[in-house]
Amino acid sequence: MLRLILAFLAGAVALSLTVAGLQAVGHAVWPLPTGIDPKDAAQMAGFVEAMPLAAKAWVLLAYAIATTVAVLVATTIARPRWKGLGIALGLLMVGLCAINLSLLPHPLWMLIAMLAIPLPIAMGVARWRRPAGG
């Protein structure tokens, strides 16, 4: 049981670090325009609306990659529990996306993708990592 908890925590840390790293790359490529206050919801809503499609796609790609990395890390540590770890980490990512969506308005297509993509990715990676005969 301790190994399973450690595997989940390691996956959660990997998820967070991967999202942070990939979003840092995204912010370097598509920086926040000068004069925008990140704490001003109206300004940020306008910024998100004006973001190029590539920047919006990068956000989704970052979440998909982070989910993949998280499940790979967790299933490497506690491989016999592949299905539960996939579900748990996929739901964690969905929850984090929901928090993001509640803080910052996104286009409808991004909202749907952010909530629909992580769990199938997590389950697919977990299934791929399942032990032989499992």
N, C-alpha and C. Protein backbone atom coordinates (compact mmCIF):
# COMPACT_ATOMS: atom_id res chain seq x y z
N MET A 1 0.82 -1.20 0.00
CA MET A 1 0.00 0.00 0.00
C MET A 1 0.87 1.27 0.00
N LEU A 2 1.95 1.25 0.76
CA LEU A 2 2.86 2.40 0.80
C LEU A 2 3.46 2.65 -0.58
N ARG A 3 3.80 1.58 -1.26
CA ARG A 3 4.38 1.70 -2.62
C ARG A 3 3.37 2.35 -3.57
N LEU A 4 2.11 2.00 -3.43
CA LEU A 4 1.06 2.56 -4.26
C LEU A 4 0.89 4.06 -3.99
N ILE A 5 0.90 4.43 -2.73
CA ILE A 5 0.78 5.85 -2.35
C ILE A 5 1.98 6.63 -2.87
N LEU A 6 3.17 6.08 -2.71
CA LEU A 6 4.37 6.74 -3.22
C LEU A 6 4.34 6.87 -4.75
N ALA A 7 3.83 5.84 -5.41
CA ALA A 7 3.73 5.87 -6.87
C ALA A 7 2.78 6.99 -7.30
N PHE A 8 1.65 7.11 -6.63
CA PHE A 8 0.71 8.18 -6.97
C PHE A 8 1.33 9.55 -6.72
N LEU A 9 1.96 9.71 -5.57
CA LEU A 9 2.59 11.00 -5.24
C LEU A 9 3.70 11.34 -6.24
N ALA A 10 4.49 10.36 -6.60
CA ALA A 10 5.55 10.60 -7.60
C ALA A 10 4.94 10.99 -8.94
N GLY A 11 3.85 10.33 -9.31
CA GLY A 11 3.16 10.68 -10.55
C GLY A 11 2.60 12.10 -10.49
N ALA A 12 2.04 12.46 -9.34
CA ALA A 12 1.48 13.82 -9.18
C ALA A 12 2.58 14.87 -9.27
N VAL A 13 3.73 14.59 -8.66
CA VAL A 13 4.86 15.52 -8.75
C VAL A 13 5.35 15.61 -10.19
N ALA A 14 5.46 14.48 -10.87
CA ALA A 14 5.89 14.48 -12.27
C ALA A 14 4.89 15.26 -13.13
N LEU A 15 3.62 15.11 -12.85
CA LEU A 15 2.58 15.84 -13.56
C LEU A 15 2.78 17.35 -13.39
N SER A 16 2.94 17.77 -12.15
CA SER A 16 3.10 19.20 -11.85
C SER A 16 4.36 19.78 -12.49
N LEU A 17 5.46 19.07 -12.36
CA LEU A 17 6.72 19.57 -12.91
C LEU A 17 6.68 19.63 -14.44
N THR A 18 6.06 18.63 -15.05
CA THR A 18 5.97 18.61 -16.51
C THR A 18 5.09 19.75 -17.01
N VAL A 19 3.93 19.95 -16.38
CA VAL A 19 3.06 21.07 -16.77
C VAL A 19 3.81 22.39 -16.60
N ALA A 20 4.46 22.56 -15.45
CA ALA A 20 5.18 23.82 -15.19
C ALA A 20 6.27 24.05 -16.24
N GLY A 21 7.04 23.02 -16.54
CA GLY A 21 8.12 23.16 -17.51
C GLY A 21 7.60 23.47 -18.91
N LEU A 22 6.57 22.75 -19.33
CA LEU A 22 6.03 22.97 -20.68
C LEU A 22 5.31 24.32 -20.77
N GLN A 23 4.66 24.73 -19.70
CA GLN A 23 4.02 26.04 -19.72
C GLN A 23 5.07 27.15 -19.71
N ALA A 24 6.20 26.92 -19.07
CA ALA A 24 7.29 27.91 -19.11
C ALA A 24 7.79 28.07 -20.54
N VAL A 25 7.89 26.97 -21.27
CA VAL A 25 8.27 27.04 -22.68
C VAL A 25 7.22 27.82 -23.46
N GLY A 26 5.95 27.52 -23.20
CA GLY A 26 4.87 28.23 -23.87
C GLY A 26 4.90 29.73 -23.59
N HIS A 27 5.18 30.09 -22.34
CA HIS A 27 5.25 31.51 -21.98
C HIS A 27 6.45 32.19 -22.63
N ALA A 28 7.50 31.43 -22.87
CA ALA A 28 8.67 32.01 -23.54
C ALA A 28 8.36 32.25 -25.03
N VAL A 29 7.62 31.34 -25.63
CA VAL A 29 7.28 31.47 -27.05
C VAL A 29 6.17 32.50 -27.25
N TRP A 30 5.16 32.48 -26.38
CA TRP A 30 4.03 33.40 -26.45
C TRP A 30 3.93 34.17 -25.13
N PRO A 31 4.79 35.17 -24.94
CA PRO A 31 4.81 35.89 -23.67
C PRO A 31 3.56 36.74 -23.46
N LEU A 32 3.29 37.01 -22.21
CA LEU A 32 2.20 37.90 -21.83
C LEU A 32 2.57 39.30 -22.30
N PRO A 33 1.69 39.97 -23.04
CA PRO A 33 2.03 41.32 -23.51
C PRO A 33 2.29 42.27 -22.33
N THR A 34 3.17 43.20 -22.54
CA THR A 34 3.46 44.18 -21.49
C THR A 34 2.20 44.99 -21.20
N GLY A 35 2.04 45.32 -19.95
CA GLY A 35 0.89 46.12 -19.54
C GLY A 35 -0.29 45.30 -19.07
N ILE A 36 -0.24 43.98 -19.24
CA ILE A 36 -1.36 43.14 -18.76
C ILE A 36 -1.05 42.70 -17.34
N ASP A 37 -2.02 42.92 -16.47
CA ASP A 37 -1.90 42.49 -15.07
C ASP A 37 -2.48 41.08 -14.95
N PRO A 38 -1.64 40.07 -14.64
CA PRO A 38 -2.14 38.70 -14.54
C PRO A 38 -3.22 38.51 -13.47
N LYS A 39 -3.34 39.46 -12.56
CA LYS A 39 -4.36 39.35 -11.51
C LYS A 39 -5.69 39.98 -11.92
N ASP A 40 -5.71 40.65 -13.06
CA ASP A 40 -6.94 41.29 -13.57
C ASP A 40 -7.67 40.30 -14.47
N ALA A 41 -8.80 39.80 -13.99
CA ALA A 41 -9.55 38.76 -14.72
C ALA A 41 -10.00 39.24 -16.10
N ALA A 42 -10.42 40.47 -16.22
CA ALA A 42 -10.89 40.98 -17.51
C ALA A 42 -9.74 41.04 -18.52
N GLN A 43 -8.59 41.52 -18.08
CA GLN A 43 -7.43 41.58 -18.97
C GLN A 43 -6.99 40.18 -19.39
N MET A 44 -6.98 39.26 -18.44
CA MET A 44 -6.57 37.89 -18.76
C MET A 44 -7.57 37.22 -19.71
N ALA A 45 -8.86 37.51 -19.53
CA ALA A 45 -9.87 36.94 -20.43
C ALA A 45 -9.62 37.43 -21.86
N GLY A 46 -9.30 38.70 -22.00
CA GLY A 46 -8.99 39.24 -23.32
C GLY A 46 -7.74 38.63 -23.90
N PHE A 47 -6.74 38.41 -23.04
CA PHE A 47 -5.50 37.80 -23.49
C PHE A 47 -5.74 36.38 -24.00
N VAL A 48 -6.50 35.59 -23.24
CA VAL A 48 -6.78 34.21 -23.65
C VAL A 48 -7.54 34.20 -24.97
N GLU A 49 -8.50 35.10 -25.10
CA GLU A 49 -9.28 35.19 -26.34
C GLU A 49 -8.38 35.50 -27.54
N ALA A 50 -7.38 36.36 -27.31
CA ALA A 50 -6.51 36.80 -28.41
C ALA A 50 -5.32 35.87 -28.65
N MET A 51 -5.13 34.87 -27.81
CA MET A 51 -4.00 33.96 -27.98
C MET A 51 -4.08 33.28 -29.35
N PRO A 52 -2.94 33.09 -29.99
CA PRO A 52 -2.97 32.34 -31.26
C PRO A 52 -3.39 30.89 -31.04
N LEU A 53 -3.93 30.30 -32.07
CA LEU A 53 -4.38 28.90 -32.00
C LEU A 53 -3.24 27.99 -31.56
N ALA A 54 -2.03 28.24 -32.03
CA ALA A 54 -0.88 27.41 -31.66
C ALA A 54 -0.63 27.46 -30.15
N ALA A 55 -0.81 28.61 -29.54
CA ALA A 55 -0.61 28.74 -28.09
C ALA A 55 -1.69 27.95 -27.33
N LYS A 56 -2.91 28.01 -27.82
CA LYS A 56 -4.00 27.25 -27.18
C LYS A 56 -3.76 25.75 -27.33
N ALA A 57 -3.31 25.35 -28.51
CA ALA A 57 -3.01 23.93 -28.74
C ALA A 57 -1.84 23.48 -27.86
N TRP A 58 -0.88 24.37 -27.63
CA TRP A 58 0.28 24.05 -26.78
C TRP A 58 -0.19 23.72 -25.36
N VAL A 59 -1.17 24.47 -24.87
CA VAL A 59 -1.70 24.21 -23.52
C VAL A 59 -2.24 22.79 -23.45
N LEU A 60 -3.04 22.41 -24.45
CA LEU A 60 -3.60 21.05 -24.46
C LEU A 60 -2.52 19.99 -24.59
N LEU A 61 -1.53 20.26 -25.44
CA LEU A 61 -0.43 19.33 -25.61
C LEU A 61 0.36 19.18 -24.31
N ALA A 62 0.58 20.28 -23.62
CA ALA A 62 1.30 20.23 -22.33
C ALA A 62 0.56 19.36 -21.34
N TYR A 63 -0.76 19.49 -21.28
CA TYR A 63 -1.54 18.67 -20.35
C TYR A 63 -1.52 17.20 -20.74
N ALA A 64 -1.56 16.93 -22.04
CA ALA A 64 -1.51 15.54 -22.51
C ALA A 64 -0.15 14.91 -22.21
N ILE A 65 0.92 15.65 -22.47
CA ILE A 65 2.27 15.13 -22.18
C ILE A 65 2.45 14.93 -20.68
N ALA A 66 1.99 15.88 -19.89
CA ALA A 66 2.14 15.78 -18.43
C ALA A 66 1.38 14.57 -17.88
N THR A 67 0.20 14.32 -18.42
CA THR A 67 -0.58 13.15 -18.00
C THR A 67 0.17 11.87 -18.35
N THR A 68 0.74 11.82 -19.54
CA THR A 68 1.51 10.65 -19.98
C THR A 68 2.71 10.42 -19.07
N VAL A 69 3.46 11.47 -18.80
CA VAL A 69 4.65 11.35 -17.94
C VAL A 69 4.25 10.89 -16.54
N ALA A 70 3.19 11.46 -16.01
CA ALA A 70 2.74 11.09 -14.66
C ALA A 70 2.42 9.61 -14.55
N VAL A 71 1.68 9.10 -15.52
CA VAL A 71 1.30 7.68 -15.48
C VAL A 71 2.52 6.79 -15.71
N LEU A 72 3.43 7.20 -16.58
CA LEU A 72 4.65 6.41 -16.78
C LEU A 72 5.46 6.33 -15.49
N VAL A 73 5.61 7.44 -14.79
CA VAL A 73 6.36 7.45 -13.53
C VAL A 73 5.68 6.56 -12.50
N ALA A 74 4.38 6.75 -12.33
CA ALA A 74 3.65 6.00 -11.30
C ALA A 74 3.64 4.50 -11.58
N THR A 75 3.42 4.12 -12.84
CA THR A 75 3.35 2.69 -13.15
C THR A 75 4.73 2.05 -13.14
N THR A 76 5.77 2.82 -13.27
CA THR A 76 7.12 2.28 -13.13
C THR A 76 7.37 1.90 -11.67
N ILE A 77 6.83 2.69 -10.76
CA ILE A 77 7.03 2.44 -9.33
C ILE A 77 6.11 1.33 -8.84
N ALA A 78 4.86 1.33 -9.25
CA ALA A 78 3.88 0.34 -8.76
C ALA A 78 3.11 -0.25 -9.93
N ARG A 79 3.79 -0.94 -10.78
CA ARG A 79 3.22 -1.45 -12.02
C ARG A 79 2.02 -2.38 -11.83
N PRO A 80 1.99 -3.23 -10.83
CA PRO A 80 0.82 -4.11 -10.71
C PRO A 80 -0.49 -3.35 -10.51
N ARG A 81 -0.42 -2.11 -10.09
CA ARG A 81 -1.63 -1.31 -9.86
C ARG A 81 -1.89 -0.34 -11.01
N TRP A 82 -1.58 -0.75 -12.21
CA TRP A 82 -1.63 0.13 -13.37
C TRP A 82 -2.98 0.78 -13.59
N LYS A 83 -4.07 0.04 -13.45
CA LYS A 83 -5.39 0.59 -13.76
C LYS A 83 -5.80 1.67 -12.77
N GLY A 84 -5.65 1.41 -11.49
CA GLY A 84 -6.02 2.40 -10.48
C GLY A 84 -5.19 3.66 -10.56
N LEU A 85 -3.90 3.50 -10.83
CA LEU A 85 -3.03 4.67 -10.97
C LEU A 85 -3.41 5.49 -12.19
N GLY A 86 -3.75 4.84 -13.29
CA GLY A 86 -4.19 5.56 -14.48
C GLY A 86 -5.44 6.37 -14.23
N ILE A 87 -6.41 5.74 -13.57
CA ILE A 87 -7.66 6.44 -13.26
C ILE A 87 -7.39 7.60 -12.31
N ALA A 88 -6.65 7.36 -11.25
CA ALA A 88 -6.40 8.40 -10.24
C ALA A 88 -5.66 9.60 -10.82
N LEU A 89 -4.62 9.33 -11.60
CA LEU A 89 -3.85 10.45 -12.16
C LEU A 89 -4.62 11.15 -13.28
N GLY A 90 -5.39 10.42 -14.03
CA GLY A 90 -6.25 11.05 -15.04
C GLY A 90 -7.28 11.96 -14.40
N LEU A 91 -7.88 11.50 -13.32
CA LEU A 91 -8.86 12.34 -12.60
C LEU A 91 -8.20 13.54 -11.94
N LEU A 92 -6.97 13.35 -11.45
CA LEU A 92 -6.23 14.48 -10.89
C LEU A 92 -6.04 15.55 -11.96
N MET A 93 -5.63 15.15 -13.16
CA MET A 93 -5.43 16.12 -14.24
C MET A 93 -6.74 16.78 -14.63
N VAL A 94 -7.83 16.03 -14.69
CA VAL A 94 -9.14 16.61 -14.99
C VAL A 94 -9.50 17.65 -13.93
N GLY A 95 -9.25 17.33 -12.67
CA GLY A 95 -9.53 18.27 -11.59
C GLY A 95 -8.70 19.54 -11.70
N LEU A 96 -7.43 19.39 -12.03
CA LEU A 96 -6.57 20.56 -12.20
C LEU A 96 -7.02 21.40 -13.40
N CYS A 97 -7.44 20.75 -14.46
CA CYS A 97 -7.97 21.48 -15.62
C CYS A 97 -9.25 22.23 -15.24
N ALA A 98 -10.10 21.60 -14.44
CA ALA A 98 -11.34 22.25 -14.02
C ALA A 98 -11.03 23.50 -13.18
N ILE A 99 -10.02 23.41 -12.33
CA ILE A 99 -9.62 24.59 -11.55
C ILE A 99 -9.14 25.69 -12.49
N ASN A 100 -8.31 25.33 -13.45
CA ASN A 100 -7.82 26.28 -14.44
C ASN A 100 -8.99 26.95 -15.16
N LEU A 101 -9.95 26.15 -15.58
CA LEU A 101 -11.11 26.67 -16.30
C LEU A 101 -11.96 27.60 -15.44
N SER A 102 -12.00 27.33 -14.13
CA SER A 102 -12.78 28.19 -13.25
C SER A 102 -12.08 29.53 -12.99
N LEU A 103 -10.78 29.57 -13.16
CA LEU A 103 -10.01 30.79 -12.90
C LEU A 103 -9.86 31.67 -14.13
N LEU A 104 -9.91 31.06 -15.30
CA LEU A 104 -9.62 31.78 -16.54
C LEU A 104 -10.57 31.31 -17.62
N PRO A 105 -11.29 32.22 -18.29
CA PRO A 105 -12.20 31.77 -19.34
C PRO A 105 -11.43 31.22 -20.55
N HIS A 106 -11.95 30.16 -21.10
CA HIS A 106 -11.35 29.52 -22.28
C HIS A 106 -12.45 29.33 -23.32
N PRO A 107 -12.07 29.21 -24.58
CA PRO A 107 -13.08 28.89 -25.61
C PRO A 107 -13.72 27.53 -25.30
N LEU A 108 -14.94 27.36 -25.77
CA LEU A 108 -15.68 26.13 -25.50
C LEU A 108 -14.93 24.89 -25.95
N TRP A 109 -14.29 24.93 -27.12
CA TRP A 109 -13.58 23.75 -27.61
C TRP A 109 -12.43 23.37 -26.69
N MET A 110 -11.77 24.37 -26.07
CA MET A 110 -10.68 24.07 -25.13
C MET A 110 -11.25 23.48 -23.84
N LEU A 111 -12.37 24.03 -23.39
CA LEU A 111 -13.01 23.51 -22.18
C LEU A 111 -13.34 22.03 -22.36
N ILE A 112 -13.95 21.70 -23.48
CA ILE A 112 -14.31 20.30 -23.74
C ILE A 112 -13.06 19.43 -23.81
N ALA A 113 -12.05 19.89 -24.55
CA ALA A 113 -10.82 19.10 -24.69
C ALA A 113 -10.10 18.94 -23.36
N MET A 114 -10.02 20.01 -22.58
CA MET A 114 -9.31 19.94 -21.30
C MET A 114 -9.95 18.95 -20.34
N LEU A 115 -11.27 18.82 -20.41
CA LEU A 115 -11.95 17.89 -19.51
C LEU A 115 -12.07 16.48 -20.08
N ALA A 116 -12.02 16.36 -21.41
CA ALA A 116 -12.23 15.05 -22.04
C ALA A 116 -10.95 14.27 -22.32
N ILE A 117 -9.83 14.94 -22.48
CA ILE A 117 -8.61 14.27 -22.94
C ILE A 117 -7.81 13.54 -21.84
N PRO A 118 -7.63 14.12 -20.65
CA PRO A 118 -6.69 13.50 -19.71
C PRO A 118 -7.01 12.06 -19.29
N LEU A 119 -8.26 11.77 -18.99
CA LEU A 119 -8.59 10.42 -18.49
C LEU A 119 -8.34 9.34 -19.55
N PRO A 120 -8.78 9.52 -20.79
CA PRO A 120 -8.46 8.49 -21.80
C PRO A 120 -6.96 8.33 -22.03
N ILE A 121 -6.22 9.43 -22.00
CA ILE A 121 -4.77 9.33 -22.17
C ILE A 121 -4.18 8.54 -21.00
N ALA A 122 -4.57 8.88 -19.79
CA ALA A 122 -4.04 8.20 -18.61
C ALA A 122 -4.36 6.71 -18.65
N MET A 123 -5.59 6.37 -19.02
CA MET A 123 -5.97 4.96 -19.08
C MET A 123 -5.24 4.24 -20.20
N GLY A 124 -5.05 4.92 -21.33
CA GLY A 124 -4.32 4.29 -22.43
C GLY A 124 -2.87 4.01 -22.08
N VAL A 125 -2.22 4.98 -21.45
CA VAL A 125 -0.82 4.79 -21.05
C VAL A 125 -0.74 3.70 -19.97
N ALA A 126 -1.65 3.73 -19.03
CA ALA A 126 -1.65 2.71 -17.97
C ALA A 126 -1.86 1.32 -18.56
N ARG A 127 -2.77 1.23 -19.51
CA ARG A 127 -3.04 -0.07 -20.14
C ARG A 127 -1.81 -0.55 -20.90
N TRP A 128 -1.15 0.36 -21.59
CA TRP A 128 0.07 0.02 -22.31
C TRP A 128 1.15 -0.47 -21.34
N ARG A 129 1.18 0.10 -20.12
CA ARG A 129 2.19 -0.25 -19.14
C ARG A 129 1.80 -1.43 -18.25
N ARG A 130 0.64 -2.01 -18.48
CA ARG A 130 0.20 -3.11 -17.60
C ARG A 130 1.17 -4.28 -17.69
N PRO A 131 1.31 -4.99 -16.58
CA PRO A 131 2.20 -6.15 -16.59
C PRO A 131 1.67 -7.23 -17.53
N ALA A 132 2.55 -8.06 -18.02
CA ALA A 132 2.15 -9.17 -18.89
C ALA A 132 1.13 -10.04 -18.17
N GLY A 133 0.05 -10.35 -18.86
CA GLY A 133 -1.00 -11.18 -18.26
C GLY A 133 -1.92 -10.40 -17.35
N GLY A 134 -1.70 -9.05 -17.22
CA GLY A 134 -2.51 -8.23 -16.31
C GLY A 134 -3.56 -7.55 -17.02
